[in-house]
Amino acid sequence: MRWTARSDQRHAAHIDQLADSAGFGRLRDELLSRAQPTAEDRVLDLGAGTGLLALAVAPMVAHVTAIDNSPAVSRLLEAKARQLAITNVTMIVADARNLPLESSSIDLAVSNYCLHHVTDEDKLVALRELARVLRPGGRLVLGDMMFNIGFRTARDRRVVAHLAISMLRRHPAGVLRVLINVAKTLFAPSEHPASVEWWERALNESGFSSVRVEALEHEGGIACARRPG
């Protein structure tokens, strides 16, 4: 995505607000619990945002490479790291589809609510990049939106209804806003969630093994996998 200075600053403020929410805090803790980081791990945080995962995992591991495509978000993460005296996080502004890392250089890759921003085709490119940079036996743990906007299953319908109701609660007079957002989601989406089944298939096709994907009670899900050793 090409950022203007103003849109990038707005994006950074929005991401930082989300990172402070209780829901994302619980998801962070669940992701790190499943990742089981060790003191020797070299970690990649893909779509690091303002540091929800990177700053939490840094004290537990050898080094964290935090990658995000937003310069403003990256600057905010760096400022937070300095405030917390965390010195083992390197921030890189880059695209998930072209990681500026050597092959087999990462022990653990984590990601939270990053890849639903790109199309399914680009998700596959990013997954192949993650498989490339992970060492043999390296682990991947990611959280993301995991549902199908086609309302195919009861969970899909429940998730979309919940999102619409949440929007109405924030904007009681915003029926038109809900309709506009539904239309955008269906016909000109800026977000591209994929189903649990899609993630299972995509991870296997991208060369991962020990694939486990679980839908959560809300719109999200967690995927765990390994690069074969």
C-alpha atoms as a PDB file:
ATOM      1  CA  MET A   1       0.000   0.000   0.000  1.00  0.00           C
ATOM      2  CA  ARG A   2       1.183   3.512  -0.818  1.00  0.00           C
ATOM      3  CA  TRP A   3       0.840   5.795   2.196  1.00  0.00           C
ATOM      4  CA  THR A   4       0.483   9.561   2.287  1.00  0.00           C
ATOM      5  CA  ALA A   5       1.943  11.192   5.400  1.00  0.00           C
ATOM      6  CA  ARG A   6      -1.546  11.941   6.728  1.00  0.00           C
ATOM      7  CA  SER A   7      -3.054   8.521   6.027  1.00  0.00           C
ATOM      8  CA  ASP A   8      -0.002   6.823   7.504  1.00  0.00           C
ATOM      9  CA  GLN A   9      -0.294   8.804  10.740  1.00  0.00           C
ATOM     10  CA  ARG A  10      -4.020   8.007  10.986  1.00  0.00           C
ATOM     11  CA  HIS A  11      -3.269   4.338  10.348  1.00  0.00           C
ATOM     12  CA  ALA A  12      -0.594   4.284  13.070  1.00  0.00           C
ATOM     13  CA  ALA A  13      -2.956   5.852  15.617  1.00  0.00           C
ATOM     14  CA  HIS A  14      -5.689   3.341  14.742  1.00  0.00           C
ATOM     15  CA  ILE A  15      -3.349   0.347  14.992  1.00  0.00           C
ATOM     16  CA  ASP A  16      -2.000   1.554  18.338  1.00  0.00           C
ATOM     17  CA  GLN A  17      -5.540   1.923  19.695  1.00  0.00           C
ATOM     18  CA  LEU A  18      -6.395  -1.623  18.617  1.00  0.00           C
ATOM     19  CA  ALA A  19      -3.223  -2.969  20.214  1.00  0.00           C
ATOM     20  CA  ASP A  20      -4.317  -1.535  23.568  1.00  0.00           C
ATOM     21  CA  SER A  21      -7.706  -3.282  23.481  1.00  0.00           C
ATOM     22  CA  ALA A  22      -8.463  -6.164  25.834  1.00  0.00           C
ATOM     23  CA  GLY A  23      -9.406  -8.462  22.953  1.00  0.00           C
ATOM     24  CA  PHE A  24      -6.091  -8.063  21.194  1.00  0.00           C
ATOM     25  CA  GLY A  25      -4.283  -8.471  24.506  1.00  0.00           C
ATOM     26  CA  ARG A  26      -5.961 -11.851  25.001  1.00  0.00           C
ATOM     27  CA  LEU A  27      -5.150 -12.883  21.446  1.00  0.00           C
ATOM     28  CA  ARG A  28      -1.486 -11.850  21.924  1.00  0.00           C
ATOM     29  CA  ASP A  29      -1.236 -14.006  25.030  1.00  0.00           C
ATOM     30  CA  GLU A  30      -2.813 -16.978  23.234  1.00  0.00           C
ATOM     31  CA  LEU A  31      -0.485 -16.647  20.240  1.00  0.00           C
ATOM     32  CA  LEU A  32       2.626 -16.461  22.414  1.00  0.00           C
ATOM     33  CA  SER A  33       1.445 -19.390  24.528  1.00  0.00           C
ATOM     34  CA  ARG A  34       1.182 -21.524  21.388  1.00  0.00           C
ATOM     35  CA  ALA A  35       4.471 -20.196  19.968  1.00  0.00           C
ATOM     36  CA  GLN A  36       6.458 -21.278  23.060  1.00  0.00           C
ATOM     37  CA  PRO A  37       9.390 -18.882  22.425  1.00  0.00           C
ATOM     38  CA  THR A  38      12.821 -19.834  23.764  1.00  0.00           C
ATOM     39  CA  ALA A  39      15.869 -17.777  24.718  1.00  0.00           C
ATOM     40  CA  GLU A  40      17.732 -18.865  21.569  1.00  0.00           C
ATOM     41  CA  ASP A  41      14.972 -18.012  19.107  1.00  0.00           C
ATOM     42  CA  ARG A  42      15.384 -15.537  16.268  1.00  0.00           C
ATOM     43  CA  VAL A  43      11.842 -14.277  15.753  1.00  0.00           C
ATOM     44  CA  LEU A  44      10.053 -12.616  12.853  1.00  0.00           C
ATOM     45  CA  ASP A  45       6.914 -10.596  13.614  1.00  0.00           C
ATOM     46  CA  LEU A  46       5.128 -10.102  10.282  1.00  0.00           C
ATOM     47  CA  GLY A  47       2.813  -7.092  10.225  1.00  0.00           C
ATOM     48  CA  ALA A  48       4.211  -6.047  13.570  1.00  0.00           C
ATOM     49  CA  GLY A  49       2.133  -2.897  13.952  1.00  0.00           C
ATOM     50  CA  THR A  50       3.118  -0.875  17.004  1.00  0.00           C
ATOM     51  CA  GLY A  51       4.565  -3.891  18.796  1.00  0.00           C
ATOM     52  CA  LEU A  52       1.722  -5.950  20.226  1.00  0.00           C
ATOM     53  CA  LEU A  53       3.679  -9.191  19.691  1.00  0.00           C
ATOM     54  CA  ALA A  54       7.222  -7.932  19.078  1.00  0.00           C
ATOM     55  CA  LEU A  55       7.580  -6.023  22.348  1.00  0.00           C
ATOM     56  CA  ALA A  56       5.960  -8.810  24.366  1.00  0.00           C
ATOM     57  CA  VAL A  57       8.141 -11.582  22.956  1.00  0.00           C
ATOM     58  CA  ALA A  58      11.429  -9.617  22.872  1.00  0.00           C
ATOM     59  CA  PRO A  59      12.413 -10.247  26.535  1.00  0.00           C
ATOM     60  CA  MET A  60      11.957 -13.990  25.979  1.00  0.00           C
ATOM     61  CA  VAL A  61      14.121 -14.456  22.860  1.00  0.00           C
ATOM     62  CA  ALA A  62      17.490 -13.654  21.294  1.00  0.00           C
ATOM     63  CA  HIS A  63      16.272 -11.234  18.633  1.00  0.00           C
ATOM     64  CA  VAL A  64      13.079  -9.977  16.970  1.00  0.00           C
ATOM     65  CA  THR A  65      12.808  -8.685  13.407  1.00  0.00           C
ATOM     66  CA  ALA A  66       9.604  -6.648  13.235  1.00  0.00           C
ATOM     67  CA  ILE A  67       8.318  -6.038   9.708  1.00  0.00           C
ATOM     68  CA  ASP A  68       5.513  -3.675   8.735  1.00  0.00           C
ATOM     69  CA  ASN A  69       4.749  -1.760   5.552  1.00  0.00           C
ATOM     70  CA  SER A  70       3.868   1.494   7.350  1.00  0.00           C
ATOM     71  CA  PRO A  71       6.698   3.948   8.133  1.00  0.00           C
ATOM     72  CA  ALA A  72       4.647   5.744  10.818  1.00  0.00           C
ATOM     73  CA  VAL A  73       3.766   2.473  12.547  1.00  0.00           C
ATOM     74  CA  SER A  74       7.417   1.442  12.435  1.00  0.00           C
ATOM     75  CA  ARG A  75       8.565   4.710  14.001  1.00  0.00           C
ATOM     76  CA  LEU A  76       6.026   4.296  16.800  1.00  0.00           C
ATOM     77  CA  LEU A  77       7.224   0.755  17.505  1.00  0.00           C
ATOM     78  CA  GLU A  78      10.834   1.963  17.647  1.00  0.00           C
ATOM     79  CA  ALA A  79       9.859   4.737  20.075  1.00  0.00           C
ATOM     80  CA  LYS A  80       8.074   2.240  22.332  1.00  0.00           C
ATOM     81  CA  ALA A  81      11.073  -0.075  22.303  1.00  0.00           C
ATOM     82  CA  ARG A  82      13.350   2.796  23.396  1.00  0.00           C
ATOM     83  CA  GLN A  83      10.942   3.741  26.201  1.00  0.00           C
ATOM     84  CA  LEU A  84      10.971   0.148  27.445  1.00  0.00           C
ATOM     85  CA  ALA A  85      14.777  -0.152  27.019  1.00  0.00           C
ATOM     86  CA  ILE A  86      14.287  -3.089  24.661  1.00  0.00           C
ATOM     87  CA  THR A  87      17.383  -3.375  22.473  1.00  0.00           C
ATOM     88  CA  ASN A  88      16.894  -6.661  20.602  1.00  0.00           C
ATOM     89  CA  VAL A  89      14.156  -5.547  18.182  1.00  0.00           C
ATOM     90  CA  THR A  90      15.031  -4.490  14.632  1.00  0.00           C
ATOM     91  CA  MET A  91      12.262  -2.681  12.738  1.00  0.00           C
ATOM     92  CA  ILE A  92      12.133  -3.014   8.937  1.00  0.00           C
ATOM     93  CA  VAL A  93       9.651  -1.335   6.602  1.00  0.00           C
ATOM     94  CA  ALA A  94       8.898  -4.000   3.991  1.00  0.00           C
ATOM     95  CA  ASP A  95       6.208  -5.956   2.170  1.00  0.00           C
ATOM     96  CA  ALA A  96       5.039  -9.346   3.447  1.00  0.00           C
ATOM     97  CA  ARG A  97       5.332 -10.703  -0.091  1.00  0.00           C
ATOM     98  CA  ASN A  98       9.049  -9.906  -0.378  1.00  0.00           C
ATOM     99  CA  LEU A  99      10.803 -10.373   2.947  1.00  0.00           C
ATOM    100  CA  PRO A 100      14.307  -8.835   3.104  1.00  0.00           C
ATOM    101  CA  LEU A 101      15.671 -11.770   5.109  1.00  0.00           C
ATOM    102  CA  GLU A 102      18.025 -14.628   4.325  1.00  0.00           C
ATOM    103  CA  SER A 103      16.604 -18.077   3.774  1.00  0.00           C
ATOM    104  CA  SER A 104      16.495 -20.328   6.869  1.00  0.00           C
ATOM    105  CA  SER A 105      17.375 -17.406   9.163  1.00  0.00           C
ATOM    106  CA  ILE A 106      14.327 -17.445  11.488  1.00  0.00           C
ATOM    107  CA  ASP A 107      13.355 -19.910  14.229  1.00  0.00           C
ATOM    108  CA  LEU A 108       9.866 -18.599  14.942  1.00  0.00           C
ATOM    109  CA  ALA A 109       7.525 -16.474  12.806  1.00  0.00           C
ATOM    110  CA  VAL A 110       4.482 -14.842  14.387  1.00  0.00           C
ATOM    111  CA  SER A 111       1.828 -12.617  12.900  1.00  0.00           C
ATOM    112  CA  ASN A 112      -1.386 -11.026  14.111  1.00  0.00           C
ATOM    113  CA  TYR A 113      -4.178  -9.640  11.903  1.00  0.00           C
ATOM    114  CA  CYS A 114      -1.878  -8.861   8.994  1.00  0.00           C
ATOM    115  CA  LEU A 115      -2.657 -11.068   6.021  1.00  0.00           C
ATOM    116  CA  HIS A 116      -6.405 -10.373   5.741  1.00  0.00           C
ATOM    117  CA  HIS A 117      -5.336  -7.036   4.248  1.00  0.00           C
ATOM    118  CA  VAL A 118      -4.116  -8.767   1.065  1.00  0.00           C
ATOM    119  CA  THR A 119      -5.796 -11.008  -1.489  1.00  0.00           C
ATOM    120  CA  ASP A 120      -5.714 -14.780  -1.237  1.00  0.00           C
ATOM    121  CA  GLU A 121      -3.153 -14.891  -4.054  1.00  0.00           C
ATOM    122  CA  ASP A 122      -0.888 -12.528  -2.120  1.00  0.00           C
ATOM    123  CA  LYS A 123      -1.429 -14.505   1.080  1.00  0.00           C
ATOM    124  CA  LEU A 124       0.032 -17.512  -0.728  1.00  0.00           C
ATOM    125  CA  VAL A 125       3.063 -15.469  -1.797  1.00  0.00           C
ATOM    126  CA  ALA A 126       3.570 -14.320   1.807  1.00  0.00           C
ATOM    127  CA  LEU A 127       3.240 -17.873   3.138  1.00  0.00           C
ATOM    128  CA  ARG A 128       5.877 -19.103   0.700  1.00  0.00           C
ATOM    129  CA  GLU A 129       8.146 -16.292   1.864  1.00  0.00           C
ATOM    130  CA  LEU A 130       7.586 -17.315   5.487  1.00  0.00           C
ATOM    131  CA  ALA A 131       8.433 -20.925   4.607  1.00  0.00           C
ATOM    132  CA  ARG A 132      11.616 -19.697   2.901  1.00  0.00           C
ATOM    133  CA  VAL A 133      12.937 -17.615   5.825  1.00  0.00           C
ATOM    134  CA  LEU A 134      12.124 -20.223   8.490  1.00  0.00           C
ATOM    135  CA  ARG A 135      14.846 -22.729   9.266  1.00  0.00           C
ATOM    136  CA  PRO A 136      14.003 -26.431   8.906  1.00  0.00           C
ATOM    137  CA  GLY A 137      11.858 -27.241  11.920  1.00  0.00           C
ATOM    138  CA  GLY A 138      11.005 -23.560  12.435  1.00  0.00           C
ATOM    139  CA  ARG A 139       7.546 -22.663  13.725  1.00  0.00           C
ATOM    140  CA  LEU A 140       4.792 -20.397  12.442  1.00  0.00           C
ATOM    141  CA  VAL A 141       1.974 -19.094  14.643  1.00  0.00           C
ATOM    142  CA  LEU A 142      -0.452 -16.548  13.241  1.00  0.00           C
ATOM    143  CA  GLY A 143      -3.775 -15.047  14.143  1.00  0.00           C
ATOM    144  CA  ASP A 144      -6.083 -13.431  11.621  1.00  0.00           C
ATOM    145  CA  MET A 145      -9.652 -12.959  10.488  1.00  0.00           C
ATOM    146  CA  MET A 146     -10.855 -16.417   9.513  1.00  0.00           C
ATOM    147  CA  PHE A 147     -14.316 -16.523   8.029  1.00  0.00           C
ATOM    148  CA  ASN A 148     -15.961 -16.496   4.607  1.00  0.00           C
ATOM    149  CA  ILE A 149     -17.908 -13.388   3.588  1.00  0.00           C
ATOM    150  CA  GLY A 150     -20.083 -15.593   1.365  1.00  0.00           C
ATOM    151  CA  PHE A 151     -22.204 -16.523   4.450  1.00  0.00           C
ATOM    152  CA  ARG A 152     -21.616 -20.202   3.610  1.00  0.00           C
ATOM    153  CA  THR A 153     -21.654 -21.552   7.179  1.00  0.00           C
ATOM    154  CA  ALA A 154     -23.531 -20.734  10.355  1.00  0.00           C
ATOM    155  CA  ARG A 155     -20.321 -19.324  11.827  1.00  0.00           C
ATOM    156  CA  ASP A 156     -19.809 -17.063   8.791  1.00  0.00           C
ATOM    157  CA  ARG A 157     -23.343 -15.684   9.157  1.00  0.00           C
ATOM    158  CA  ARG A 158     -22.921 -15.228  12.896  1.00  0.00           C
ATOM    159  CA  VAL A 159     -19.600 -13.384  12.481  1.00  0.00           C
ATOM    160  CA  VAL A 160     -20.933 -10.988   9.827  1.00  0.00           C
ATOM    161  CA  ALA A 161     -24.051 -10.285  11.898  1.00  0.00           C
ATOM    162  CA  HIS A 162     -21.923  -9.590  14.969  1.00  0.00           C
ATOM    163  CA  LEU A 163     -19.711  -7.159  13.029  1.00  0.00           C
ATOM    164  CA  ALA A 164     -22.764  -5.322  11.685  1.00  0.00           C
ATOM    165  CA  ILE A 165     -24.352  -5.084  15.147  1.00  0.00           C
ATOM    166  CA  SER A 166     -21.086  -3.825  16.638  1.00  0.00           C
ATOM    167  CA  MET A 167     -20.945  -1.096  14.010  1.00  0.00           C
ATOM    168  CA  LEU A 168     -24.526  -0.051  14.725  1.00  0.00           C
ATOM    169  CA  ARG A 169     -23.787   0.127  18.443  1.00  0.00           C
ATOM    170  CA  ARG A 170     -20.869   2.467  17.767  1.00  0.00           C
ATOM    171  CA  HIS A 171     -22.959   4.534  15.344  1.00  0.00           C
ATOM    172  CA  PRO A 172     -26.648   4.209  16.398  1.00  0.00           C
ATOM    173  CA  ALA A 173     -27.792   6.406  13.516  1.00  0.00           C
ATOM    174  CA  GLY A 174     -25.441   4.693  11.096  1.00  0.00           C
ATOM    175  CA  VAL A 175     -27.668   2.279   9.188  1.00  0.00           C
ATOM    176  CA  LEU A 176     -26.411   3.815   5.966  1.00  0.00           C
ATOM    177  CA  ARG A 177     -22.820   3.348   7.168  1.00  0.00           C
ATOM    178  CA  VAL A 178     -23.485  -0.354   7.770  1.00  0.00           C
ATOM    179  CA  LEU A 179     -25.029  -0.761   4.322  1.00  0.00           C
ATOM    180  CA  ILE A 180     -22.083   1.013   2.696  1.00  0.00           C
ATOM    181  CA  ASN A 181     -19.592  -1.185   4.528  1.00  0.00           C
ATOM    182  CA  VAL A 182     -21.473  -4.347   3.611  1.00  0.00           C
ATOM    183  CA  ALA A 183     -21.492  -3.253  -0.030  1.00  0.00           C
ATOM    184  CA  LYS A 184     -17.758  -2.496   0.103  1.00  0.00           C
ATOM    185  CA  THR A 185     -17.056  -5.878   1.669  1.00  0.00           C
ATOM    186  CA  LEU A 186     -18.990  -7.694  -1.032  1.00  0.00           C
ATOM    187  CA  PHE A 187     -18.068  -5.692  -4.119  1.00  0.00           C
ATOM    188  CA  ALA A 188     -14.907  -3.641  -3.418  1.00  0.00           C
ATOM    189  CA  PRO A 189     -13.262  -5.183  -0.378  1.00  0.00           C
ATOM    190  CA  SER A 190     -10.304  -3.607   1.374  1.00  0.00           C
ATOM    191  CA  GLU A 191     -10.088  -6.651   3.651  1.00  0.00           C
ATOM    192  CA  HIS A 192      -9.880 -10.228   2.430  1.00  0.00           C
ATOM    193  CA  PRO A 193     -10.588 -12.716   5.223  1.00  0.00           C
ATOM    194  CA  ALA A 194     -10.230 -16.388   4.376  1.00  0.00           C
ATOM    195  CA  SER A 195     -11.874 -19.402   5.964  1.00  0.00           C
ATOM    196  CA  VAL A 196     -10.278 -21.917   8.298  1.00  0.00           C
ATOM    197  CA  GLU A 197     -10.451 -24.473   5.485  1.00  0.00           C
ATOM    198  CA  TRP A 198      -8.631 -22.108   3.119  1.00  0.00           C
ATOM    199  CA  TRP A 199      -5.833 -21.563   5.642  1.00  0.00           C
ATOM    200  CA  GLU A 200      -5.392 -25.291   6.193  1.00  0.00           C
ATOM    201  CA  ARG A 201      -5.133 -25.903   2.462  1.00  0.00           C
ATOM    202  CA  ALA A 202      -2.878 -22.894   1.822  1.00  0.00           C
ATOM    203  CA  LEU A 203      -0.397 -23.770   4.570  1.00  0.00           C
ATOM    204  CA  ASN A 204      -0.069 -27.328   3.322  1.00  0.00           C
ATOM    205  CA  GLU A 205       0.328 -26.155  -0.278  1.00  0.00           C
ATOM    206  CA  SER A 206       2.992 -23.641   0.819  1.00  0.00           C
ATOM    207  CA  GLY A 207       5.234 -26.386   2.166  1.00  0.00           C
ATOM    208  CA  PHE A 208       4.335 -26.403   5.862  1.00  0.00           C
ATOM    209  CA  SER A 209       3.738 -29.479   7.985  1.00  0.00           C
ATOM    210  CA  SER A 210       2.004 -30.131  11.338  1.00  0.00           C
ATOM    211  CA  VAL A 211      -0.692 -27.680  10.242  1.00  0.00           C
ATOM    212  CA  ARG A 212      -3.396 -26.902  12.798  1.00  0.00           C
ATOM    213  CA  VAL A 213      -5.990 -24.151  12.259  1.00  0.00           C
ATOM    214  CA  GLU A 214      -8.641 -23.293  14.824  1.00  0.00           C
ATOM    215  CA  ALA A 215     -11.587 -20.908  14.582  1.00  0.00           C
ATOM    216  CA  LEU A 216     -12.107 -18.745  17.654  1.00  0.00           C
ATOM    217  CA  GLU A 217     -15.451 -17.593  19.064  1.00  0.00           C
ATOM    218  CA  HIS A 218     -15.173 -14.212  17.312  1.00  0.00           C
ATOM    219  CA  GLU A 219     -14.195 -13.569  13.682  1.00  0.00           C
ATOM    220  CA  GLY A 220     -10.616 -14.656  14.250  1.00  0.00           C
ATOM    221  CA  GLY A 221      -8.675 -17.866  14.151  1.00  0.00           C
ATOM    222  CA  ILE A 222      -5.194 -19.189  14.926  1.00  0.00           C
ATOM    223  CA  ALA A 223      -2.969 -21.219  12.632  1.00  0.00           C
ATOM    224  CA  CYS A 224       0.120 -23.157  13.754  1.00  0.00           C
ATOM    225  CA  ALA A 225       2.558 -24.949  11.445  1.00  0.00           C
ATOM    226  CA  ARG A 226       6.182 -25.927  10.972  1.00  0.00           C
ATOM    227  CA  ARG A 227       8.661 -25.903   8.135  1.00  0.00           C
ATOM    228  CA  PRO A 228       9.596 -29.570   7.659  1.00  0.00           C
ATOM    229  CA  GLY A 229      12.973 -30.368   9.213  1.00  0.00           C
END
